[in-house]
C-alpha atoms as a PDB file:
ATOM      1  CA  MET A   1      17.858  -1.226   9.186  1.00  0.00           C
ATOM      2  CA  ILE A   2      17.297  -3.895   6.545  1.00  0.00           C
ATOM      3  CA  ARG A   3      14.983  -6.837   7.141  1.00  0.00           C
ATOM      4  CA  VAL A   4      14.766 -10.028   5.055  1.00  0.00           C
ATOM      5  CA  LEU A   5      11.294 -11.582   5.113  1.00  0.00           C
ATOM      6  CA  PRO A   6      11.436 -15.268   4.153  1.00  0.00           C
ATOM      7  CA  ASN A   7       8.453 -17.110   2.687  1.00  0.00           C
ATOM      8  CA  VAL A   8       6.082 -14.156   2.413  1.00  0.00           C
ATOM      9  CA  LEU A   9       4.271 -16.079  -0.329  1.00  0.00           C
ATOM     10  CA  SER A  10       3.221 -19.682   0.214  1.00  0.00           C
ATOM     11  CA  PRO A  11       3.859 -22.352  -2.450  1.00  0.00           C
ATOM     12  CA  GLN A  12       0.189 -22.116  -3.447  1.00  0.00           C
ATOM     13  CA  GLN A  13       0.378 -18.328  -3.775  1.00  0.00           C
ATOM     14  CA  LEU A  14       3.578 -18.610  -5.820  1.00  0.00           C
ATOM     15  CA  ALA A  15       1.877 -21.069  -8.162  1.00  0.00           C
ATOM     16  CA  THR A  16      -0.949 -18.558  -8.668  1.00  0.00           C
ATOM     17  CA  VAL A  17       1.562 -15.755  -9.297  1.00  0.00           C
ATOM     18  CA  ARG A  18       3.428 -17.842 -11.902  1.00  0.00           C
ATOM     19  CA  GLU A  19       0.192 -18.523 -13.749  1.00  0.00           C
ATOM     20  CA  LEU A  20      -0.677 -14.822 -13.711  1.00  0.00           C
ATOM     21  CA  LEU A  21       2.803 -13.778 -14.854  1.00  0.00           C
ATOM     22  CA  SER A  22       2.247 -15.511 -18.177  1.00  0.00           C
ATOM     23  CA  LYS A  23      -0.600 -13.050 -18.805  1.00  0.00           C
ATOM     24  CA  VAL A  24       1.164  -9.823 -17.763  1.00  0.00           C
ATOM     25  CA  ARG A  25       1.787  -7.281 -20.520  1.00  0.00           C
ATOM     26  CA  PHE A  26       5.088  -5.506 -19.839  1.00  0.00           C
ATOM     27  CA  ASP A  27       5.990  -2.002 -21.023  1.00  0.00           C
ATOM     28  CA  ASP A  28       9.157   0.083 -20.861  1.00  0.00           C
ATOM     29  CA  GLY A  29       9.972   0.621 -17.175  1.00  0.00           C
ATOM     30  CA  ARG A  30      10.613   4.300 -17.775  1.00  0.00           C
ATOM     31  CA  ILE A  31       6.886   4.863 -18.214  1.00  0.00           C
ATOM     32  CA  THR A  32       6.799   5.966 -14.558  1.00  0.00           C
ATOM     33  CA  ASN A  33      10.143   7.819 -14.677  1.00  0.00           C
ATOM     34  CA  ARG A  34      10.702   9.155 -18.183  1.00  0.00           C
ATOM     35  CA  ASP A  35      13.652  11.337 -17.171  1.00  0.00           C
ATOM     36  CA  SER A  36      15.679   8.453 -15.753  1.00  0.00           C
ATOM     37  CA  THR A  37      18.951   7.641 -17.492  1.00  0.00           C
ATOM     38  CA  VAL A  38      19.703   4.602 -15.289  1.00  0.00           C
ATOM     39  CA  LYS A  39      16.439   2.635 -15.426  1.00  0.00           C
ATOM     40  CA  HIS A  40      16.537  -0.142 -18.013  1.00  0.00           C
ATOM     41  CA  ASN A  41      13.819  -2.687 -17.303  1.00  0.00           C
ATOM     42  CA  LEU A  42      10.257  -3.676 -18.104  1.00  0.00           C
ATOM     43  CA  GLN A  43       7.278  -2.885 -15.902  1.00  0.00           C
ATOM     44  CA  ALA A  44       3.642  -3.940 -15.791  1.00  0.00           C
ATOM     45  CA  PRO A  45       1.111  -1.114 -16.167  1.00  0.00           C
ATOM     46  CA  GLN A  46      -0.989  -0.589 -13.059  1.00  0.00           C
ATOM     47  CA  GLU A  47      -4.177  -1.160 -15.030  1.00  0.00           C
ATOM     48  CA  ASP A  48      -3.022  -4.538 -16.391  1.00  0.00           C
ATOM     49  CA  PRO A  49      -5.503  -7.121 -14.968  1.00  0.00           C
ATOM     50  CA  ALA A  50      -2.864  -9.777 -14.264  1.00  0.00           C
ATOM     51  CA  ASN A  51      -0.613  -7.248 -12.530  1.00  0.00           C
ATOM     52  CA  ALA A  52      -3.575  -6.042 -10.455  1.00  0.00           C
ATOM     53  CA  ALA A  53      -4.319  -9.601  -9.357  1.00  0.00           C
ATOM     54  CA  ILE A  54      -0.684 -10.166  -8.363  1.00  0.00           C
ATOM     55  CA  ALA A  55      -0.651  -6.821  -6.556  1.00  0.00           C
ATOM     56  CA  GLN A  56      -3.657  -7.760  -4.442  1.00  0.00           C
ATOM     57  CA  LEU A  57      -2.259 -11.200  -3.640  1.00  0.00           C
ATOM     58  CA  VAL A  58       1.105  -9.762  -2.572  1.00  0.00           C
ATOM     59  CA  ARG A  59      -0.532  -7.003  -0.537  1.00  0.00           C
ATOM     60  CA  ASP A  60      -2.709  -9.508   1.325  1.00  0.00           C
ATOM     61  CA  ALA A  61       0.363 -11.643   2.077  1.00  0.00           C
ATOM     62  CA  LEU A  62       2.573  -8.764   3.240  1.00  0.00           C
ATOM     63  CA  VAL A  63       0.064  -7.357   5.717  1.00  0.00           C
ATOM     64  CA  GLN A  64      -0.030 -10.753   7.441  1.00  0.00           C
ATOM     65  CA  VAL A  65       3.736 -10.776   8.120  1.00  0.00           C
ATOM     66  CA  PRO A  66       4.460  -9.841  11.766  1.00  0.00           C
ATOM     67  CA  ASP A  67       7.851  -8.327  10.856  1.00  0.00           C
ATOM     68  CA  VAL A  68       6.130  -5.930   8.451  1.00  0.00           C
ATOM     69  CA  ARG A  69       3.866  -4.636  11.208  1.00  0.00           C
ATOM     70  CA  THR A  70       6.732  -4.391  13.707  1.00  0.00           C
ATOM     71  CA  PHE A  71       9.453  -3.074  11.435  1.00  0.00           C
ATOM     72  CA  ALA A  72       7.487  -0.854   9.038  1.00  0.00           C
ATOM     73  CA  LEU A  73       4.657   0.343  11.296  1.00  0.00           C
ATOM     74  CA  PRO A  74       2.703   0.746   8.038  1.00  0.00           C
ATOM     75  CA  LYS A  75       0.310   3.638   7.580  1.00  0.00           C
ATOM     76  CA  GLN A  76      -0.096   3.286   3.808  1.00  0.00           C
ATOM     77  CA  MET A  77       1.132   0.823   1.207  1.00  0.00           C
ATOM     78  CA  ALA A  78       1.643   1.628  -2.458  1.00  0.00           C
ATOM     79  CA  ARG A  79       0.108  -0.591  -5.086  1.00  0.00           C
ATOM     80  CA  THR A  80       2.488  -3.406  -6.007  1.00  0.00           C
ATOM     81  CA  THR A  81       4.046  -3.431  -9.487  1.00  0.00           C
ATOM     82  CA  VAL A  82       5.663  -6.369 -11.272  1.00  0.00           C
ATOM     83  CA  VAL A  83       9.032  -5.662 -12.930  1.00  0.00           C
ATOM     84  CA  ARG A  84      11.026  -7.772 -15.382  1.00  0.00           C
ATOM     85  CA  TYR A  85      14.738  -7.744 -16.264  1.00  0.00           C
ATOM     86  CA  GLU A  86      16.029  -9.520 -19.364  1.00  0.00           C
ATOM     87  CA  PRO A  87      19.697  -9.933 -20.366  1.00  0.00           C
ATOM     88  CA  GLY A  88      21.392  -6.544 -20.603  1.00  0.00           C
ATOM     89  CA  MET A  89      18.838  -4.808 -18.375  1.00  0.00           C
ATOM     90  CA  ASP A  90      19.609  -3.154 -15.049  1.00  0.00           C
ATOM     91  CA  TYR A  91      18.599  -0.291 -12.780  1.00  0.00           C
ATOM     92  CA  GLY A  92      21.594   1.872 -11.902  1.00  0.00           C
ATOM     93  CA  TRP A  93      22.306   3.564  -8.591  1.00  0.00           C
ATOM     94  CA  HIS A  94      19.312   5.627  -7.470  1.00  0.00           C
ATOM     95  CA  VAL A  95      17.118   6.685  -4.553  1.00  0.00           C
ATOM     96  CA  ASP A  96      13.388   6.030  -4.700  1.00  0.00           C
ATOM     97  CA  GLU A  97      10.983   8.924  -5.148  1.00  0.00           C
ATOM     98  CA  ALA A  98      10.122  10.702  -1.894  1.00  0.00           C
ATOM     99  CA  LEU A  99       6.419  11.216  -2.697  1.00  0.00           C
ATOM    100  CA  PHE A 100       3.988   9.253  -4.839  1.00  0.00           C
ATOM    101  CA  ALA A 101       1.212  11.045  -6.657  1.00  0.00           C
ATOM    102  CA  SER A 102      -1.907   9.911  -4.875  1.00  0.00           C
ATOM    103  CA  THR A 103      -4.706  11.547  -2.926  1.00  0.00           C
ATOM    104  CA  PRO A 104      -3.370  12.376  -0.414  1.00  0.00           C
ATOM    105  CA  PRO A 105       0.289  12.083  -1.546  1.00  0.00           C
ATOM    106  CA  MET A 106       2.106   9.095  -0.073  1.00  0.00           C
ATOM    107  CA  ARG A 107       5.622   9.407   1.341  1.00  0.00           C
ATOM    108  CA  SER A 108       7.989   6.483   0.694  1.00  0.00           C
ATOM    109  CA  ASP A 109       9.640   5.504   3.983  1.00  0.00           C
ATOM    110  CA  LEU A 110      10.414   1.860   3.244  1.00  0.00           C
ATOM    111  CA  SER A 111      10.941   0.057  -0.040  1.00  0.00           C
ATOM    112  CA  CYS A 112      10.052  -3.600  -0.505  1.00  0.00           C
ATOM    113  CA  THR A 113      11.111  -6.101  -3.170  1.00  0.00           C
ATOM    114  CA  ILE A 114       9.385  -9.494  -3.371  1.00  0.00           C
ATOM    115  CA  PHE A 115      11.494 -11.910  -5.424  1.00  0.00           C
ATOM    116  CA  LEU A 116       9.502 -14.093  -7.852  1.00  0.00           C
ATOM    117  CA  SER A 117      12.213 -15.803  -9.958  1.00  0.00           C
ATOM    118  CA  PRO A 118      14.386 -18.644  -8.591  1.00  0.00           C
ATOM    119  CA  PRO A 119      18.003 -17.425  -8.206  1.00  0.00           C
ATOM    120  CA  ALA A 120      19.216 -20.243 -10.472  1.00  0.00           C
ATOM    121  CA  ASP A 121      17.084 -18.917 -13.323  1.00  0.00           C
ATOM    122  CA  TYR A 122      19.233 -15.833 -13.900  1.00  0.00           C
ATOM    123  CA  ASP A 123      22.743 -14.450 -13.471  1.00  0.00           C
ATOM    124  CA  GLY A 124      23.287 -10.947 -12.121  1.00  0.00           C
ATOM    125  CA  GLY A 125      20.198  -9.046 -11.056  1.00  0.00           C
ATOM    126  CA  GLU A 126      21.237  -8.651  -7.423  1.00  0.00           C
ATOM    127  CA  LEU A 127      19.534  -5.942  -5.392  1.00  0.00           C
ATOM    128  CA  THR A 128      22.537  -4.031  -4.042  1.00  0.00           C
ATOM    129  CA  ILE A 129      22.156  -1.502  -1.235  1.00  0.00           C
ATOM    130  CA  GLN A 130      24.773   0.999  -0.103  1.00  0.00           C
ATOM    131  CA  LEU A 131      25.212   1.087   3.657  1.00  0.00           C
ATOM    132  CA  GLY A 132      27.977   3.559   4.439  1.00  0.00           C
ATOM    133  CA  ALA A 133      31.114   2.241   2.744  1.00  0.00           C
ATOM    134  CA  GLN A 134      29.558  -1.220   2.342  1.00  0.00           C
ATOM    135  CA  GLU A 135      27.514  -2.658  -0.494  1.00  0.00           C
ATOM    136  CA  LEU A 136      25.080  -5.389   0.530  1.00  0.00           C
ATOM    137  CA  SER A 137      23.708  -7.636  -2.236  1.00  0.00           C
ATOM    138  CA  TYR A 138      20.551  -9.750  -2.115  1.00  0.00           C
ATOM    139  CA  LYS A 139      19.208 -12.445  -4.407  1.00  0.00           C
ATOM    140  CA  LEU A 140      16.443 -14.237  -2.534  1.00  0.00           C
ATOM    141  CA  ASP A 141      14.330 -17.317  -3.107  1.00  0.00           C
ATOM    142  CA  PRO A 142      10.967 -16.802  -4.816  1.00  0.00           C
ATOM    143  CA  GLY A 143       8.330 -15.691  -2.365  1.00  0.00           C
ATOM    144  CA  SER A 144      10.821 -14.042  -0.028  1.00  0.00           C
ATOM    145  CA  ALA A 145      11.080 -10.270   0.343  1.00  0.00           C
ATOM    146  CA  ILE A 146      13.399  -7.571   1.607  1.00  0.00           C
ATOM    147  CA  LEU A 147      12.367  -4.389   3.391  1.00  0.00           C
ATOM    148  CA  TYR A 148      14.779  -1.442   3.522  1.00  0.00           C
ATOM    149  CA  PRO A 149      14.703   2.337   4.019  1.00  0.00           C
ATOM    150  CA  SER A 150      13.726   4.222   0.874  1.00  0.00           C
ATOM    151  CA  THR A 151      16.415   6.780   1.694  1.00  0.00           C
ATOM    152  CA  THR A 152      19.176   4.314   0.763  1.00  0.00           C
ATOM    153  CA  ILE A 153      21.080   4.411  -2.517  1.00  0.00           C
ATOM    154  CA  HIS A 154      20.548   1.082  -4.278  1.00  0.00           C
ATOM    155  CA  ARG A 155      20.544  -0.614  -7.678  1.00  0.00           C
ATOM    156  CA  VAL A 156      19.717  -3.821  -9.541  1.00  0.00           C
ATOM    157  CA  THR A 157      22.880  -5.147 -11.171  1.00  0.00           C
ATOM    158  CA  PRO A 158      22.821  -6.092 -14.874  1.00  0.00           C
ATOM    159  CA  VAL A 159      21.177  -9.391 -15.737  1.00  0.00           C
ATOM    160  CA  THR A 160      23.524 -11.415 -17.935  1.00  0.00           C
ATOM    161  CA  ARG A 161      21.467 -14.617 -18.318  1.00  0.00           C
ATOM    162  CA  GLY A 162      17.840 -15.548 -17.897  1.00  0.00           C
ATOM    163  CA  VAL A 163      14.989 -13.398 -16.620  1.00  0.00           C
ATOM    164  CA  ARG A 164      14.590 -11.745 -13.231  1.00  0.00           C
ATOM    165  CA  ILE A 165      11.002 -10.995 -12.175  1.00  0.00           C
ATOM    166  CA  ALA A 166      10.065  -9.281  -8.933  1.00  0.00           C
ATOM    167  CA  ALA A 167       7.232  -7.318  -7.373  1.00  0.00           C
ATOM    168  CA  ILE A 168       7.988  -3.955  -5.803  1.00  0.00           C
ATOM    169  CA  THR A 169       6.089  -1.734  -3.404  1.00  0.00           C
ATOM    170  CA  TRP A 170       6.599   0.965  -0.784  1.00  0.00           C
ATOM    171  CA  PHE A 171       5.298   1.765   2.683  1.00  0.00           C
ATOM    172  CA  GLN A 172       4.594   5.029   4.394  1.00  0.00           C
ATOM    173  CA  SER A 173       5.219   4.443   8.078  1.00  0.00           C
ATOM    174  CA  TRP A 174       3.407   6.007  10.998  1.00  0.00           C
ATOM    175  CA  VAL A 175       6.931   6.994  12.116  1.00  0.00           C
ATOM    176  CA  SER A 176       8.894   8.797   9.400  1.00  0.00           C
ATOM    177  CA  ASP A 177      12.292   8.863  11.133  1.00  0.00           C
ATOM    178  CA  THR A 178      14.389   5.738  10.486  1.00  0.00           C
ATOM    179  CA  SER A 179      16.302   5.915  13.777  1.00  0.00           C
ATOM    180  CA  GLN A 180      13.065   6.269  15.745  1.00  0.00           C
ATOM    181  CA  ARG A 181      11.587   3.222  14.004  1.00  0.00           C
ATOM    182  CA  GLU A 182      14.736   1.247  14.835  1.00  0.00           C
ATOM    183  CA  LEU A 183      14.429   2.139  18.520  1.00  0.00           C
ATOM    184  CA  LEU A 184      10.800   0.982  18.524  1.00  0.00           C
ATOM    185  CA  VAL A 185      11.844  -2.309  16.911  1.00  0.00           C
ATOM    186  CA  GLN A 186      14.545  -2.795  19.560  1.00  0.00           C
ATOM    187  CA  LEU A 187      12.024  -2.161  22.324  1.00  0.00           C
ATOM    188  CA  GLU A 188       9.648  -4.712  20.803  1.00  0.00           C
ATOM    189  CA  GLU A 189      12.470  -7.269  20.633  1.00  0.00           C
ATOM    190  CA  ALA A 190      13.416  -6.533  24.255  1.00  0.00           C
ATOM    191  CA  ARG A 191       9.790  -7.013  25.313  1.00  0.00           C
ATOM    192  CA  ALA A 192       9.606 -10.341  23.470  1.00  0.00           C
ATOM    193  CA  LEU A 193      12.883 -11.546  25.039  1.00  0.00           C
ATOM    194  CA  ALA A 194      11.679 -10.573  28.497  1.00  0.00           C
ATOM    195  CA  ALA A 195       8.426 -12.463  27.903  1.00  0.00           C
ATOM    196  CA  ARG A 196      10.347 -15.612  26.958  1.00  0.00           C
ATOM    197  CA  ALA A 197      12.365 -15.583  30.185  1.00  0.00           C
ATOM    198  CA  GLY A 198      11.718 -18.415  32.619  1.00  0.00           C
ATOM    199  CA  GLN A 199       9.856 -16.188  35.057  1.00  0.00           C
ATOM    200  CA  PRO A 200       9.148 -12.912  33.243  1.00  0.00           C
ATOM    201  CA  ASP A 201       8.964  -9.893  35.487  1.00  0.00           C
ATOM    202  CA  ALA A 202       5.469  -8.419  35.198  1.00  0.00           C
ATOM    203  CA  ARG A 203       6.633  -4.924  36.074  1.00  0.00           C
ATOM    204  CA  LEU A 204       9.389  -5.053  33.439  1.00  0.00           C
ATOM    205  CA  GLN A 205       6.848  -6.122  30.823  1.00  0.00           C
ATOM    206  CA  VAL A 206       4.563  -3.192  31.684  1.00  0.00           C
ATOM    207  CA  LEU A 207       7.447  -0.715  31.621  1.00  0.00           C
ATOM    208  CA  LEU A 208       8.706  -1.904  28.231  1.00  0.00           C
ATOM    209  CA  GLU A 209       5.206  -1.846  26.758  1.00  0.00           C
ATOM    210  CA  SER A 210       4.573   1.604  28.220  1.00  0.00           C
ATOM    211  CA  LEU A 211       7.858   2.938  26.860  1.00  0.00           C
ATOM    212  CA  ARG A 212       7.221   1.604  23.351  1.00  0.00           C
ATOM    213  CA  THR A 213       3.593   2.730  23.256  1.00  0.00           C
ATOM    214  CA  ASN A 214       4.296   6.242  24.504  1.00  0.00           C
ATOM    215  CA  LEU A 215       7.270   6.748  22.183  1.00  0.00           C
ATOM    216  CA  PHE A 216       5.064   5.625  19.297  1.00  0.00           C
ATOM    217  CA  ARG A 217       2.425   8.091  20.457  1.00  0.00           C
ATOM    218  CA  MET A 218       5.050  10.862  20.556  1.00  0.00           C
ATOM    219  CA  TRP A 219       6.631  10.123  17.163  1.00  0.00           C
ATOM    220  CA  SER A 220       3.719   8.982  14.998  1.00  0.00           C
ATOM    221  CA  ASP A 221       2.190  11.033  12.187  1.00  0.00           C
ATOM    222  CA  THR A 222      -1.468  11.671  12.899  1.00  0.00           C
END
């Protein structure tokens, strides 16, 4: 399941991010994946002060988004990193790393891209995700984000004009199985629809809440 999250960053937050971006020092993106033959971009070092400030701002914004809590069921969130693509740069087809070196190690269940550049500022640079025989491409407004399973094969297409800047992060979910998370999301949507009915049935509400809560209890990593 893929979820687009519009307007994660407010106009004021975007203005702060743009000011900070002018101070970010970018390095070769392969610094975190030296063996990659398909990664051709620039990446901010984690210790860069401007990147750290952007990372905290984005983290604070993401945790306030209801769809993140419902869809991701986040247990841990990786530190956000700013990436930059100039003309000729791309990130070929790949799957994100399964585990991040932290203490304890963090499993990547969901990947998240927060777009920071206006689509009109660059050509190419679409985030393209394989879904079976389909390829779904995304190029969102600045401040909007996309959340998708880290198990998917995806790429960033070559930038042919302008500069594409985005922030990327990952979530470890309380529920590792994608299909189980999708069922929990469907139950939450069913509960919300039932609540919006003209005369919601109290027993139905309790049953739906009980079903979702007890499935979460059964499936969650503790």
